[in-house]
Amino acid sequence: MTSVSQYMLRGGLALAPVDTAQTAAQTMRSLNVDALPVCSDGRLLGMLTARDLTISAVARGLAPGEVRIGELMSANPVRCFEDEPVEAVLCRARAAAAHRVPVVDRSGRLVGMLLVGEEASHA
């Protein structure tokens, strides 16, 4: 059995629910990513995607420098533990159309990220 720990990226950056949409977009741009976890005190609250920014903020005419990402994020994202079988997590991620799966410890603290893509498909 191949576990998530063998494929995950450890650590990483997370946004806070009080960060603005503008800060989130700038961070995504500088990191060249389209999704970031949202945490409070290290605990995963949700995920914010570029689509969330576009659909939830821009399309509604919300001011990017004022709206907080806690209002825009997707709560309760697909998540996993490092000791889970990677195949099971990939199935859950694909079913939810998730490209990044936050890896948390048993207390809900973010410890890394599992990327779901071509590389992971061959796990």
PDB file of N, CA and C in Angstrom:
ATOM      1  N   MET A   1       0.844  -1.184   0.000  1.00  0.00           N
ATOM      2  CA  MET A   1       0.000   0.000   0.000  1.00  0.00           C
ATOM      3  C   MET A   1       0.887   1.245   0.000  1.00  0.00           C
ATOM      4  N   THR A   2       0.625   2.130  -0.917  1.00  0.00           N
ATOM      5  CA  THR A   2       1.357   3.389  -1.024  1.00  0.00           C
ATOM      6  C   THR A   2       0.582   4.457  -0.259  1.00  0.00           C
ATOM      7  N   SER A   3       1.263   5.140   0.649  1.00  0.00           N
ATOM      8  CA  SER A   3       0.560   6.142   1.453  1.00  0.00           C
ATOM      9  C   SER A   3       0.775   7.547   0.913  1.00  0.00           C
ATOM     10  N   VAL A   4      -0.118   8.432   1.315  1.00  0.00           N
ATOM     11  CA  VAL A   4      -0.064   9.845   0.923  1.00  0.00           C
ATOM     12  C   VAL A   4       1.290  10.453   1.273  1.00  0.00           C
ATOM     13  N   SER A   5       1.879  10.046   2.397  1.00  0.00           N
ATOM     14  CA  SER A   5       3.145  10.628   2.855  1.00  0.00           C
ATOM     15  C   SER A   5       4.265  10.489   1.825  1.00  0.00           C
ATOM     16  N   GLN A   6       4.182   9.498   0.954  1.00  0.00           N
ATOM     17  CA  GLN A   6       5.215   9.291  -0.051  1.00  0.00           C
ATOM     18  C   GLN A   6       5.109  10.272  -1.227  1.00  0.00           C
ATOM     19  N   TYR A   7       3.972  10.928  -1.386  1.00  0.00           N
ATOM     20  CA  TYR A   7       3.747  11.812  -2.533  1.00  0.00           C
ATOM     21  C   TYR A   7       3.461  13.264  -2.174  1.00  0.00           C
ATOM     22  N   MET A   8       3.128  13.528  -0.929  1.00  0.00           N
ATOM     23  CA  MET A   8       2.714  14.868  -0.540  1.00  0.00           C
ATOM     24  C   MET A   8       3.881  15.849  -0.510  1.00  0.00           C
ATOM     25  N   LEU A   9       3.536  17.117  -0.671  1.00  0.00           N
ATOM     26  CA  LEU A   9       4.484  18.209  -0.461  1.00  0.00           C
ATOM     27  C   LEU A   9       4.287  18.681   0.971  1.00  0.00           C
ATOM     28  N   ARG A  10       5.331  18.693   1.746  1.00  0.00           N
ATOM     29  CA  ARG A  10       5.222  19.084   3.153  1.00  0.00           C
ATOM     30  C   ARG A  10       5.287  20.600   3.305  1.00  0.00           C
ATOM     31  N   GLY A  11       4.583  21.079   4.328  1.00  0.00           N
ATOM     32  CA  GLY A  11       4.591  22.510   4.615  1.00  0.00           C
ATOM     33  C   GLY A  11       3.773  23.270   3.595  1.00  0.00           C
ATOM     34  N   GLY A  12       4.239  24.446   3.285  1.00  0.00           N
ATOM     35  CA  GLY A  12       3.533  25.266   2.308  1.00  0.00           C
ATOM     36  C   GLY A  12       2.869  26.462   2.947  1.00  0.00           C
ATOM     37  N   LEU A  13       2.367  27.305   2.099  1.00  0.00           N
ATOM     38  CA  LEU A  13       1.749  28.551   2.519  1.00  0.00           C
ATOM     39  C   LEU A  13       0.247  28.383   2.634  1.00  0.00           C
ATOM     40  N   ALA A  14      -0.328  29.029   3.610  1.00  0.00           N
ATOM     41  CA  ALA A  14      -1.781  29.050   3.766  1.00  0.00           C
ATOM     42  C   ALA A  14      -2.231  30.487   3.957  1.00  0.00           C
ATOM     43  N   LEU A  15      -3.429  30.762   3.519  1.00  0.00           N
ATOM     44  CA  LEU A  15      -4.046  32.072   3.719  1.00  0.00           C
ATOM     45  C   LEU A  15      -4.853  32.048   5.009  1.00  0.00           C
ATOM     46  N   ALA A  16      -5.170  33.228   5.526  1.00  0.00           N
ATOM     47  CA  ALA A  16      -6.032  33.363   6.699  1.00  0.00           C
ATOM     48  C   ALA A  16      -7.394  33.858   6.237  1.00  0.00           C
ATOM     49  N   PRO A  17      -8.457  33.488   6.931  1.00  0.00           N
ATOM     50  CA  PRO A  17      -9.797  33.913   6.502  1.00  0.00           C
ATOM     51  C   PRO A  17      -9.986  35.426   6.486  1.00  0.00           C
ATOM     52  N   VAL A  18      -9.142  36.159   7.188  1.00  0.00           N
ATOM     53  CA  VAL A  18      -9.250  37.620   7.205  1.00  0.00           C
ATOM     54  C   VAL A  18      -8.457  38.284   6.089  1.00  0.00           C
ATOM     55  N   ASP A  19      -7.654  37.519   5.356  1.00  0.00           N
ATOM     56  CA  ASP A  19      -6.927  38.079   4.210  1.00  0.00           C
ATOM     57  C   ASP A  19      -7.931  38.545   3.162  1.00  0.00           C
ATOM     58  N   THR A  20      -7.540  39.527   2.387  1.00  0.00           N
ATOM     59  CA  THR A  20      -8.434  40.040   1.342  1.00  0.00           C
ATOM     60  C   THR A  20      -8.296  39.228   0.059  1.00  0.00           C
ATOM     61  N   ALA A  21      -9.285  39.352  -0.788  1.00  0.00           N
ATOM     62  CA  ALA A  21      -9.252  38.697  -2.098  1.00  0.00           C
ATOM     63  C   ALA A  21      -8.053  39.193  -2.893  1.00  0.00           C
ATOM     64  N   GLN A  22      -7.729  40.452  -2.768  1.00  0.00           N
ATOM     65  CA  GLN A  22      -6.585  41.006  -3.484  1.00  0.00           C
ATOM     66  C   GLN A  22      -5.287  40.357  -3.023  1.00  0.00           C
ATOM     67  N   THR A  23      -5.110  40.214  -1.725  1.00  0.00           N
ATOM     68  CA  THR A  23      -3.922  39.543  -1.185  1.00  0.00           C
ATOM     69  C   THR A  23      -3.853  38.105  -1.680  1.00  0.00           C
ATOM     70  N   ALA A  24      -4.984  37.424  -1.678  1.00  0.00           N
ATOM     71  CA  ALA A  24      -5.025  36.036  -2.146  1.00  0.00           C
ATOM     72  C   ALA A  24      -4.637  35.938  -3.616  1.00  0.00           C
ATOM     73  N   ALA A  25      -5.179  36.814  -4.431  1.00  0.00           N
ATOM     74  CA  ALA A  25      -4.867  36.791  -5.866  1.00  0.00           C
ATOM     75  C   ALA A  25      -3.389  37.093  -6.104  1.00  0.00           C
ATOM     76  N   GLN A  26      -2.852  38.042  -5.375  1.00  0.00           N
ATOM     77  CA  GLN A  26      -1.431  38.379  -5.520  1.00  0.00           C
ATOM     78  C   GLN A  26      -0.549  37.206  -5.091  1.00  0.00           C
ATOM     79  N   THR A  27      -0.938  36.538  -4.015  1.00  0.00           N
ATOM     80  CA  THR A  27      -0.178  35.382  -3.535  1.00  0.00           C
ATOM     81  C   THR A  27      -0.227  34.250  -4.550  1.00  0.00           C
ATOM     82  N   MET A  28      -1.412  33.975  -5.084  1.00  0.00           N
ATOM     83  CA  MET A  28      -1.548  32.929  -6.105  1.00  0.00           C
ATOM     84  C   MET A  28      -0.693  33.255  -7.328  1.00  0.00           C
ATOM     85  N   ARG A  29      -0.709  34.504  -7.708  1.00  0.00           N
ATOM     86  CA  ARG A  29       0.080  34.918  -8.873  1.00  0.00           C
ATOM     87  C   ARG A  29       1.580  34.728  -8.618  1.00  0.00           C
ATOM     88  N   SER A  30       2.043  35.157  -7.450  1.00  0.00           N
ATOM     89  CA  SER A  30       3.482  35.059  -7.164  1.00  0.00           C
ATOM     90  C   SER A  30       3.941  33.610  -7.037  1.00  0.00           C
ATOM     91  N   LEU A  31       3.063  32.732  -6.575  1.00  0.00           N
ATOM     92  CA  LEU A  31       3.410  31.314  -6.433  1.00  0.00           C
ATOM     93  C   LEU A  31       3.066  30.492  -7.676  1.00  0.00           C
ATOM     94  N   ASN A  32       2.350  31.124  -8.621  1.00  0.00           N
ATOM     95  CA  ASN A  32       1.901  30.445  -9.829  1.00  0.00           C
ATOM     96  C   ASN A  32       1.049  29.214  -9.504  1.00  0.00           C
ATOM     97  N   VAL A  33       0.060  29.416  -8.613  1.00  0.00           N
ATOM     98  CA  VAL A  33      -0.883  28.362  -8.244  1.00  0.00           C
ATOM     99  C   VAL A  33      -2.302  28.890  -8.412  1.00  0.00           C
ATOM    100  N   ASP A  34      -3.259  27.983  -8.478  1.00  0.00           N
ATOM    101  CA  ASP A  34      -4.650  28.405  -8.631  1.00  0.00           C
ATOM    102  C   ASP A  34      -5.519  28.034  -7.435  1.00  0.00           C
ATOM    103  N   ALA A  35      -4.887  27.580  -6.357  1.00  0.00           N
ATOM    104  CA  ALA A  35      -5.638  27.260  -5.142  1.00  0.00           C
ATOM    105  C   ALA A  35      -4.698  27.277  -3.947  1.00  0.00           C
ATOM    106  N   LEU A  36      -5.226  27.733  -2.816  1.00  0.00           N
ATOM    107  CA  LEU A  36      -4.457  27.754  -1.575  1.00  0.00           C
ATOM    108  C   LEU A  36      -5.359  27.379  -0.403  1.00  0.00           C
ATOM    109  N   PRO A  37      -4.792  26.703   0.594  1.00  0.00           N
ATOM    110  CA  PRO A  37      -5.578  26.393   1.786  1.00  0.00           C
ATOM    111  C   PRO A  37      -5.817  27.647   2.620  1.00  0.00           C
ATOM    112  N   VAL A  38      -6.907  27.628   3.350  1.00  0.00           N
ATOM    113  CA  VAL A  38      -7.238  28.717   4.272  1.00  0.00           C
ATOM    114  C   VAL A  38      -7.242  28.108   5.671  1.00  0.00           C
ATOM    115  N   CYS A  39      -6.422  28.684   6.565  1.00  0.00           N
ATOM    116  CA  CYS A  39      -6.266  28.132   7.906  1.00  0.00           C
ATOM    117  C   CYS A  39      -6.409  29.225   8.960  1.00  0.00           C
ATOM    118  N   SER A  40      -6.789  28.793  10.143  1.00  0.00           N
ATOM    119  CA  SER A  40      -6.805  29.657  11.317  1.00  0.00           C
ATOM    120  C   SER A  40      -6.089  28.895  12.418  1.00  0.00           C
ATOM    121  N   ASP A  41      -5.063  29.488  12.989  1.00  0.00           N
ATOM    122  CA  ASP A  41      -4.235  28.822  14.000  1.00  0.00           C
ATOM    123  C   ASP A  41      -3.732  27.469  13.508  1.00  0.00           C
ATOM    124  N   GLY A  42      -3.397  27.399  12.222  1.00  0.00           N
ATOM    125  CA  GLY A  42      -2.860  26.177  11.653  1.00  0.00           C
ATOM    126  C   GLY A  42      -3.886  25.135  11.256  1.00  0.00           C
ATOM    127  N   ARG A  43      -5.133  25.326  11.651  1.00  0.00           N
ATOM    128  CA  ARG A  43      -6.190  24.359  11.344  1.00  0.00           C
ATOM    129  C   ARG A  43      -6.861  24.704  10.012  1.00  0.00           C
ATOM    130  N   LEU A  44      -7.039  23.693   9.193  1.00  0.00           N
ATOM    131  CA  LEU A  44      -7.649  23.873   7.879  1.00  0.00           C
ATOM    132  C   LEU A  44      -9.125  24.238   8.006  1.00  0.00           C
ATOM    133  N   LEU A  45      -9.499  25.350   7.376  1.00  0.00           N
ATOM    134  CA  LEU A  45     -10.900  25.779   7.339  1.00  0.00           C
ATOM    135  C   LEU A  45     -11.521  25.553   5.964  1.00  0.00           C
ATOM    136  N   GLY A  46     -10.703  25.689   4.930  1.00  0.00           N
ATOM    137  CA  GLY A  46     -11.227  25.571   3.576  1.00  0.00           C
ATOM    138  C   GLY A  46     -10.139  25.742   2.545  1.00  0.00           C
ATOM    139  N   MET A  47     -10.578  25.850   1.288  1.00  0.00           N
ATOM    140  CA  MET A  47      -9.667  26.106   0.167  1.00  0.00           C
ATOM    141  C   MET A  47     -10.217  27.303  -0.594  1.00  0.00           C
ATOM    142  N   LEU A  48      -9.308  28.096  -1.109  1.00  0.00           N
ATOM    143  CA  LEU A  48      -9.687  29.213  -1.961  1.00  0.00           C
ATOM    144  C   LEU A  48      -9.066  28.965  -3.322  1.00  0.00           C
ATOM    145  N   THR A  49      -9.894  28.995  -4.355  1.00  0.00           N
ATOM    146  CA  THR A  49      -9.403  28.782  -5.712  1.00  0.00           C
ATOM    147  C   THR A  49      -9.526  30.077  -6.512  1.00  0.00           C
ATOM    148  N   ALA A  50      -8.824  30.105  -7.628  1.00  0.00           N
ATOM    149  CA  ALA A  50      -8.944  31.246  -8.533  1.00  0.00           C
ATOM    150  C   ALA A  50     -10.390  31.364  -9.000  1.00  0.00           C
ATOM    151  N   ARG A  51     -11.049  30.238  -9.169  1.00  0.00           N
ATOM    152  CA  ARG A  51     -12.460  30.245  -9.565  1.00  0.00           C
ATOM    153  C   ARG A  51     -13.322  30.898  -8.476  1.00  0.00           C
ATOM    154  N   ASP A  52     -13.038  30.594  -7.205  1.00  0.00           N
ATOM    155  CA  ASP A  52     -13.761  31.239  -6.102  1.00  0.00           C
ATOM    156  C   ASP A  52     -13.604  32.757  -6.187  1.00  0.00           C
ATOM    157  N   LEU A  53     -12.389  33.195  -6.456  1.00  0.00           N
ATOM    158  CA  LEU A  53     -12.152  34.638  -6.568  1.00  0.00           C
ATOM    159  C   LEU A  53     -12.955  35.241  -7.709  1.00  0.00           C
ATOM    160  N   THR A  54     -12.972  34.560  -8.839  1.00  0.00           N
ATOM    161  CA  THR A  54     -13.664  35.080 -10.014  1.00  0.00           C
ATOM    162  C   THR A  54     -15.172  35.058  -9.844  1.00  0.00           C
ATOM    163  N   ILE A  55     -15.701  33.911  -9.490  1.00  0.00           N
ATOM    164  CA  ILE A  55     -17.158  33.740  -9.403  1.00  0.00           C
ATOM    165  C   ILE A  55     -17.745  34.441  -8.175  1.00  0.00           C
ATOM    166  N   SER A  56     -17.078  34.297  -7.042  1.00  0.00           N
ATOM    167  CA  SER A  56     -17.637  34.839  -5.806  1.00  0.00           C
ATOM    168  C   SER A  56     -17.334  36.305  -5.561  1.00  0.00           C
ATOM    169  N   ALA A  57     -16.251  36.801  -6.097  1.00  0.00           N
ATOM    170  CA  ALA A  57     -15.889  38.199  -5.840  1.00  0.00           C
ATOM    171  C   ALA A  57     -16.052  39.076  -7.069  1.00  0.00           C
ATOM    172  N   VAL A  58     -15.335  38.776  -8.122  1.00  0.00           N
ATOM    173  CA  VAL A  58     -15.341  39.635  -9.305  1.00  0.00           C
ATOM    174  C   VAL A  58     -16.725  39.704  -9.938  1.00  0.00           C
ATOM    175  N   ALA A  59     -17.351  38.555 -10.162  1.00  0.00           N
ATOM    176  CA  ALA A  59     -18.663  38.532 -10.829  1.00  0.00           C
ATOM    177  C   ALA A  59     -19.736  39.250 -10.014  1.00  0.00           C
ATOM    178  N   ARG A  60     -19.561  39.303  -8.694  1.00  0.00           N
ATOM    179  CA  ARG A  60     -20.531  39.987  -7.844  1.00  0.00           C
ATOM    180  C   ARG A  60     -20.163  41.451  -7.610  1.00  0.00           C
ATOM    181  N   GLY A  61     -19.052  41.889  -8.190  1.00  0.00           N
ATOM    182  CA  GLY A  61     -18.649  43.285  -8.058  1.00  0.00           C
ATOM    183  C   GLY A  61     -18.108  43.652  -6.691  1.00  0.00           C
ATOM    184  N   LEU A  62     -17.599  42.670  -5.950  1.00  0.00           N
ATOM    185  CA  LEU A  62     -17.057  42.949  -4.626  1.00  0.00           C
ATOM    186  C   LEU A  62     -15.663  43.556  -4.757  1.00  0.00           C
ATOM    187  N   ALA A  63     -15.331  44.464  -3.887  1.00  0.00           N
ATOM    188  CA  ALA A  63     -14.032  45.136  -3.919  1.00  0.00           C
ATOM    189  C   ALA A  63     -12.947  44.179  -3.442  1.00  0.00           C
ATOM    190  N   PRO A  64     -11.987  43.831  -4.304  1.00  0.00           N
ATOM    191  CA  PRO A  64     -10.961  42.847  -3.953  1.00  0.00           C
ATOM    192  C   PRO A  64     -10.133  43.231  -2.729  1.00  0.00           C
ATOM    193  N   GLY A  65      -9.934  44.505  -2.512  1.00  0.00           N
ATOM    194  CA  GLY A  65      -9.157  44.949  -1.364  1.00  0.00           C
ATOM    195  C   GLY A  65      -9.943  44.978  -0.071  1.00  0.00           C
ATOM    196  N   GLU A  66     -11.237  44.715  -0.154  1.00  0.00           N
ATOM    197  CA  GLU A  66     -12.087  44.783   1.040  1.00  0.00           C
ATOM    198  C   GLU A  66     -12.711  43.450   1.433  1.00  0.00           C
ATOM    199  N   VAL A  67     -13.098  42.634   0.457  1.00  0.00           N
ATOM    200  CA  VAL A  67     -13.768  41.383   0.785  1.00  0.00           C
ATOM    201  C   VAL A  67     -12.762  40.382   1.356  1.00  0.00           C
ATOM    202  N   ARG A  68     -13.145  39.719   2.413  1.00  0.00           N
ATOM    203  CA  ARG A  68     -12.290  38.739   3.102  1.00  0.00           C
ATOM    204  C   ARG A  68     -12.494  37.354   2.486  1.00  0.00           C
ATOM    205  N   ILE A  69     -11.412  36.609   2.401  1.00  0.00           N
ATOM    206  CA  ILE A  69     -11.526  35.307   1.738  1.00  0.00           C
ATOM    207  C   ILE A  69     -12.329  34.298   2.541  1.00  0.00           C
ATOM    208  N   GLY A  70     -12.528  34.568   3.816  1.00  0.00           N
ATOM    209  CA  GLY A  70     -13.409  33.705   4.603  1.00  0.00           C
ATOM    210  C   GLY A  70     -14.816  33.679   4.045  1.00  0.00           C
ATOM    211  N   GLU A  71     -15.190  34.747   3.317  1.00  0.00           N
ATOM    212  CA  GLU A  71     -16.512  34.826   2.691  1.00  0.00           C
ATOM    213  C   GLU A  71     -16.541  34.139   1.329  1.00  0.00           C
ATOM    214  N   LEU A  72     -15.373  33.868   0.768  1.00  0.00           N
ATOM    215  CA  LEU A  72     -15.287  33.360  -0.599  1.00  0.00           C
ATOM    216  C   LEU A  72     -14.841  31.901  -0.690  1.00  0.00           C
ATOM    217  N   MET A  73     -14.151  31.426   0.321  1.00  0.00           N
ATOM    218  CA  MET A  73     -13.545  30.094   0.269  1.00  0.00           C
ATOM    219  C   MET A  73     -14.598  28.990   0.227  1.00  0.00           C
ATOM    220  N   SER A  74     -14.144  27.850  -0.230  1.00  0.00           N
ATOM    221  CA  SER A  74     -14.974  26.645  -0.188  1.00  0.00           C
ATOM    222  C   SER A  74     -14.655  25.941   1.128  1.00  0.00           C
ATOM    223  N   ALA A  75     -15.648  25.840   1.987  1.00  0.00           N
ATOM    224  CA  ALA A  75     -15.451  25.197   3.284  1.00  0.00           C
ATOM    225  C   ALA A  75     -15.519  23.673   3.122  1.00  0.00           C
ATOM    226  N   ASN A  76     -14.926  22.985   4.058  1.00  0.00           N
ATOM    227  CA  ASN A  76     -14.942  21.519   4.088  1.00  0.00           C
ATOM    228  C   ASN A  76     -14.444  20.878   2.791  1.00  0.00           C
ATOM    229  N   PRO A  77     -13.228  21.229   2.368  1.00  0.00           N
ATOM    230  CA  PRO A  77     -12.699  20.620   1.144  1.00  0.00           C
ATOM    231  C   PRO A  77     -12.345  19.155   1.367  1.00  0.00           C
ATOM    232  N   VAL A  78     -12.148  18.432   0.280  1.00  0.00           N
ATOM    233  CA  VAL A  78     -11.608  17.082   0.378  1.00  0.00           C
ATOM    234  C   VAL A  78     -10.265  17.226   1.076  1.00  0.00           C
ATOM    235  N   ARG A  79     -10.031  16.408   2.071  1.00  0.00           N
ATOM    236  CA  ARG A  79      -8.766  16.431   2.806  1.00  0.00           C
ATOM    237  C   ARG A  79      -8.356  15.001   3.104  1.00  0.00           C
ATOM    238  N   CYS A  80      -7.131  14.825   3.545  1.00  0.00           N
ATOM    239  CA  CYS A  80      -6.674  13.474   3.838  1.00  0.00           C
ATOM    240  C   CYS A  80      -5.624  13.505   4.933  1.00  0.00           C
ATOM    241  N   PHE A  81      -5.241  12.297   5.355  1.00  0.00           N
ATOM    242  CA  PHE A  81      -4.175  12.117   6.342  1.00  0.00           C
ATOM    243  C   PHE A  81      -2.971  11.490   5.648  1.00  0.00           C
ATOM    244  N   GLU A  82      -1.777  11.701   6.193  1.00  0.00           N
ATOM    245  CA  GLU A  82      -0.572  11.187   5.552  1.00  0.00           C
ATOM    246  C   GLU A  82      -0.523   9.671   5.474  1.00  0.00           C
ATOM    247  N   ASP A  83      -1.180   8.987   6.386  1.00  0.00           N
ATOM    248  CA  ASP A  83      -1.100   7.527   6.392  1.00  0.00           C
ATOM    249  C   ASP A  83      -2.200   6.850   5.571  1.00  0.00           C
ATOM    250  N   GLU A  84      -3.026   7.625   4.896  1.00  0.00           N
ATOM    251  CA  GLU A  84      -4.077   7.045   4.049  1.00  0.00           C
ATOM    252  C   GLU A  84      -3.485   6.494   2.754  1.00  0.00           C
ATOM    253  N   PRO A  85      -4.122   5.462   2.199  1.00  0.00           N
ATOM    254  CA  PRO A  85      -3.680   4.970   0.883  1.00  0.00           C
ATOM    255  C   PRO A  85      -3.909   6.044  -0.181  1.00  0.00           C
ATOM    256  N   VAL A  86      -2.885   6.342  -0.947  1.00  0.00           N
ATOM    257  CA  VAL A  86      -2.969   7.411  -1.940  1.00  0.00           C
ATOM    258  C   VAL A  86      -4.043   7.113  -2.980  1.00  0.00           C
ATOM    259  N   GLU A  87      -4.232   5.859  -3.312  1.00  0.00           N
ATOM    260  CA  GLU A  87      -5.233   5.502  -4.324  1.00  0.00           C
ATOM    261  C   GLU A  87      -6.637   5.911  -3.896  1.00  0.00           C
ATOM    262  N   ALA A  88      -6.964   5.701  -2.619  1.00  0.00           N
ATOM    263  CA  ALA A  88      -8.286   6.067  -2.102  1.00  0.00           C
ATOM    264  C   ALA A  88      -8.477   7.576  -2.112  1.00  0.00           C
ATOM    265  N   VAL A  89      -7.434   8.311  -1.754  1.00  0.00           N
ATOM    266  CA  VAL A  89      -7.513   9.769  -1.737  1.00  0.00           C
ATOM    267  C   VAL A  89      -7.669  10.302  -3.158  1.00  0.00           C
ATOM    268  N   LEU A  90      -6.931   9.732  -4.099  1.00  0.00           N
ATOM    269  CA  LEU A  90      -7.049  10.173  -5.489  1.00  0.00           C
ATOM    270  C   LEU A  90      -8.457   9.939  -6.018  1.00  0.00           C
ATOM    271  N   CYS A  91      -9.077   8.831  -5.652  1.00  0.00           N
ATOM    272  CA  CYS A  91     -10.469   8.575  -6.080  1.00  0.00           C
ATOM    273  C   CYS A  91     -11.410   9.635  -5.521  1.00  0.00           C
ATOM    274  N   ARG A  92     -11.260   9.959  -4.242  1.00  0.00           N
ATOM    275  CA  ARG A  92     -12.108  10.993  -3.625  1.00  0.00           C
ATOM    276  C   ARG A  92     -11.866  12.351  -4.281  1.00  0.00           C
ATOM    277  N   ALA A  93     -10.610  12.657  -4.549  1.00  0.00           N
ATOM    278  CA  ALA A  93     -10.268  13.951  -5.150  1.00  0.00           C
ATOM    279  C   ALA A  93     -10.855  14.061  -6.548  1.00  0.00           C
ATOM    280  N   ARG A  94     -10.726  13.016  -7.341  1.00  0.00           N
ATOM    281  CA  ARG A  94     -11.268  13.056  -8.708  1.00  0.00           C
ATOM    282  C   ARG A  94     -12.785  13.188  -8.691  1.00  0.00           C
ATOM    283  N   ALA A  95     -13.438  12.500  -7.772  1.00  0.00           N
ATOM    284  CA  ALA A  95     -14.896  12.574  -7.670  1.00  0.00           C
ATOM    285  C   ALA A  95     -15.357  13.994  -7.336  1.00  0.00           C
ATOM    286  N   ALA A  96     -14.523  14.715  -6.594  1.00  0.00           N
ATOM    287  CA  ALA A  96     -14.848  16.098  -6.214  1.00  0.00           C
ATOM    288  C   ALA A  96     -14.217  17.118  -7.151  1.00  0.00           C
ATOM    289  N   ALA A  97     -13.543  16.653  -8.204  1.00  0.00           N
ATOM    290  CA  ALA A  97     -12.838  17.517  -9.161  1.00  0.00           C
ATOM    291  C   ALA A  97     -11.811  18.411  -8.463  1.00  0.00           C
ATOM    292  N   ALA A  98     -11.159  17.872  -7.428  1.00  0.00           N
ATOM    293  CA  ALA A  98     -10.137  18.613  -6.689  1.00  0.00           C
ATOM    294  C   ALA A  98      -8.763  18.328  -7.288  1.00  0.00           C
ATOM    295  N   HIS A  99      -7.979  19.367  -7.482  1.00  0.00           N
ATOM    296  CA  HIS A  99      -6.638  19.211  -8.036  1.00  0.00           C
ATOM    297  C   HIS A  99      -5.564  19.252  -6.953  1.00  0.00           C
ATOM    298  N   ARG A 100      -5.945  19.741  -5.798  1.00  0.00           N
ATOM    299  CA  ARG A 100      -5.044  19.788  -4.647  1.00  0.00           C
ATOM    300  C   ARG A 100      -5.822  19.326  -3.431  1.00  0.00           C
ATOM    301  N   VAL A 101      -5.223  18.429  -2.681  1.00  0.00           N
ATOM    302  CA  VAL A 101      -5.879  17.904  -1.478  1.00  0.00           C
ATOM    303  C   VAL A 101      -5.008  18.251  -0.269  1.00  0.00           C
ATOM    304  N   PRO A 102      -5.534  19.052   0.641  1.00  0.00           N
ATOM    305  CA  PRO A 102      -4.779  19.366   1.855  1.00  0.00           C
ATOM    306  C   PRO A 102      -4.583  18.098   2.689  1.00  0.00           C
ATOM    307  N   VAL A 103      -3.389  17.971   3.244  1.00  0.00           N
ATOM    308  CA  VAL A 103      -3.062  16.860   4.135  1.00  0.00           C
ATOM    309  C   VAL A 103      -3.032  17.437   5.546  1.00  0.00           C
ATOM    310  N   VAL A 104      -3.813  16.848   6.431  1.00  0.00           N
ATOM    311  CA  VAL A 104      -3.912  17.340   7.804  1.00  0.00           C
ATOM    312  C   VAL A 104      -3.516  16.250   8.785  1.00  0.00           C
ATOM    313  N   ASP A 105      -3.142  16.683   9.996  1.00  0.00           N
ATOM    314  CA  ASP A 105      -2.904  15.701  11.048  1.00  0.00           C
ATOM    315  C   ASP A 105      -4.239  15.401  11.725  1.00  0.00           C
ATOM    316  N   ARG A 106      -4.233  14.548  12.714  1.00  0.00           N
ATOM    317  CA  ARG A 106      -5.486  14.108  13.348  1.00  0.00           C
ATOM    318  C   ARG A 106      -6.204  15.227  14.101  1.00  0.00           C
ATOM    319  N   SER A 107      -5.524  16.341  14.365  1.00  0.00           N
ATOM    320  CA  SER A 107      -6.192  17.470  15.017  1.00  0.00           C
ATOM    321  C   SER A 107      -6.675  18.523  14.011  1.00  0.00           C
ATOM    322  N   GLY A 108      -6.491  18.232  12.697  1.00  0.00           N
ATOM    323  CA  GLY A 108      -6.967  19.151  11.673  1.00  0.00           C
ATOM    324  C   GLY A 108      -5.963  20.199  11.244  1.00  0.00           C
ATOM    325  N   ARG A 109      -4.725  20.086  11.728  1.00  0.00           N
ATOM    326  CA  ARG A 109      -3.680  21.045  11.345  1.00  0.00           C
ATOM    327  C   ARG A 109      -3.100  20.669   9.979  1.00  0.00           C
ATOM    328  N   LEU A 110      -2.931  21.681   9.151  1.00  0.00           N
ATOM    329  CA  LEU A 110      -2.375  21.489   7.817  1.00  0.00           C
ATOM    330  C   LEU A 110      -0.906  21.089   7.929  1.00  0.00           C
ATOM    331  N   VAL A 111      -0.534  19.983   7.262  1.00  0.00           N
ATOM    332  CA  VAL A 111       0.863  19.548   7.270  1.00  0.00           C
ATOM    333  C   VAL A 111       1.457  19.498   5.865  1.00  0.00           C
ATOM    334  N   GLY A 112       0.609  19.611   4.836  1.00  0.00           N
ATOM    335  CA  GLY A 112       1.113  19.579   3.474  1.00  0.00           C
ATOM    336  C   GLY A 112      -0.010  19.525   2.462  1.00  0.00           C
ATOM    337  N   MET A 113       0.375  19.186   1.233  1.00  0.00           N
ATOM    338  CA  MET A 113      -0.587  19.172   0.131  1.00  0.00           C
ATOM    339  C   MET A 113      -0.268  17.992  -0.786  1.00  0.00           C
ATOM    340  N   LEU A 114      -1.313  17.348  -1.249  1.00  0.00           N
ATOM    341  CA  LEU A 114      -1.177  16.290  -2.250  1.00  0.00           C
ATOM    342  C   LEU A 114      -1.699  16.846  -3.563  1.00  0.00           C
ATOM    343  N   LEU A 115      -0.847  16.850  -4.579  1.00  0.00           N
ATOM    344  CA  LEU A 115      -1.256  17.326  -5.893  1.00  0.00           C
ATOM    345  C   LEU A 115      -1.866  16.167  -6.660  1.00  0.00           C
ATOM    346  N   VAL A 116      -2.996  16.431  -7.285  1.00  0.00           N
ATOM    347  CA  VAL A 116      -3.694  15.419  -8.066  1.00  0.00           C
ATOM    348  C   VAL A 116      -3.499  15.767  -9.529  1.00  0.00           C
ATOM    349  N   GLY A 117      -2.736  14.964 -10.206  1.00  0.00           N
ATOM    350  CA  GLY A 117      -2.446  15.224 -11.618  1.00  0.00           C
ATOM    351  C   GLY A 117      -1.889  13.993 -12.280  1.00  0.00           C
ATOM    352  N   GLU A 118      -1.246  14.178 -13.392  1.00  0.00           N
ATOM    353  CA  GLU A 118      -0.689  13.066 -14.135  1.00  0.00           C
ATOM    354  C   GLU A 118       0.304  12.266 -13.300  1.00  0.00           C
ATOM    355  N   GLU A 119       1.179  12.972 -12.548  1.00  0.00           N
ATOM    356  CA  GLU A 119       2.165  12.281 -11.747  1.00  0.00           C
ATOM    357  C   GLU A 119       1.484  11.404 -10.707  1.00  0.00           C
ATOM    358  N   ALA A 120       0.471  11.951 -10.039  1.00  0.00           N
ATOM    359  CA  ALA A 120      -0.221  11.222  -9.005  1.00  0.00           C
ATOM    360  C   ALA A 120      -1.055  10.081  -9.576  1.00  0.00           C
ATOM    361  N   SER A 121      -1.492  10.216 -10.800  1.00  0.00           N
ATOM    362  CA  SER A 121      -2.312   9.178 -11.411  1.00  0.00           C
ATOM    363  C   SER A 121      -1.569   7.875 -11.587  1.00  0.00           C
ATOM    364  N   HIS A 122      -0.235   7.932 -11.612  1.00  0.00           N
ATOM    365  CA  HIS A 122       0.560   6.735 -11.819  1.00  0.00           C
ATOM    366  C   HIS A 122       1.039   6.133 -10.507  1.00  0.00           C
ATOM    367  N   ALA A 123       0.526   6.659  -9.397  1.00  0.00           N
ATOM    368  CA  ALA A 123       0.956   6.173  -8.081  1.00  0.00           C
ATOM    369  C   ALA A 123       0.503   4.743  -7.859  1.00  0.00           C
TER     370      ALA A 123
END
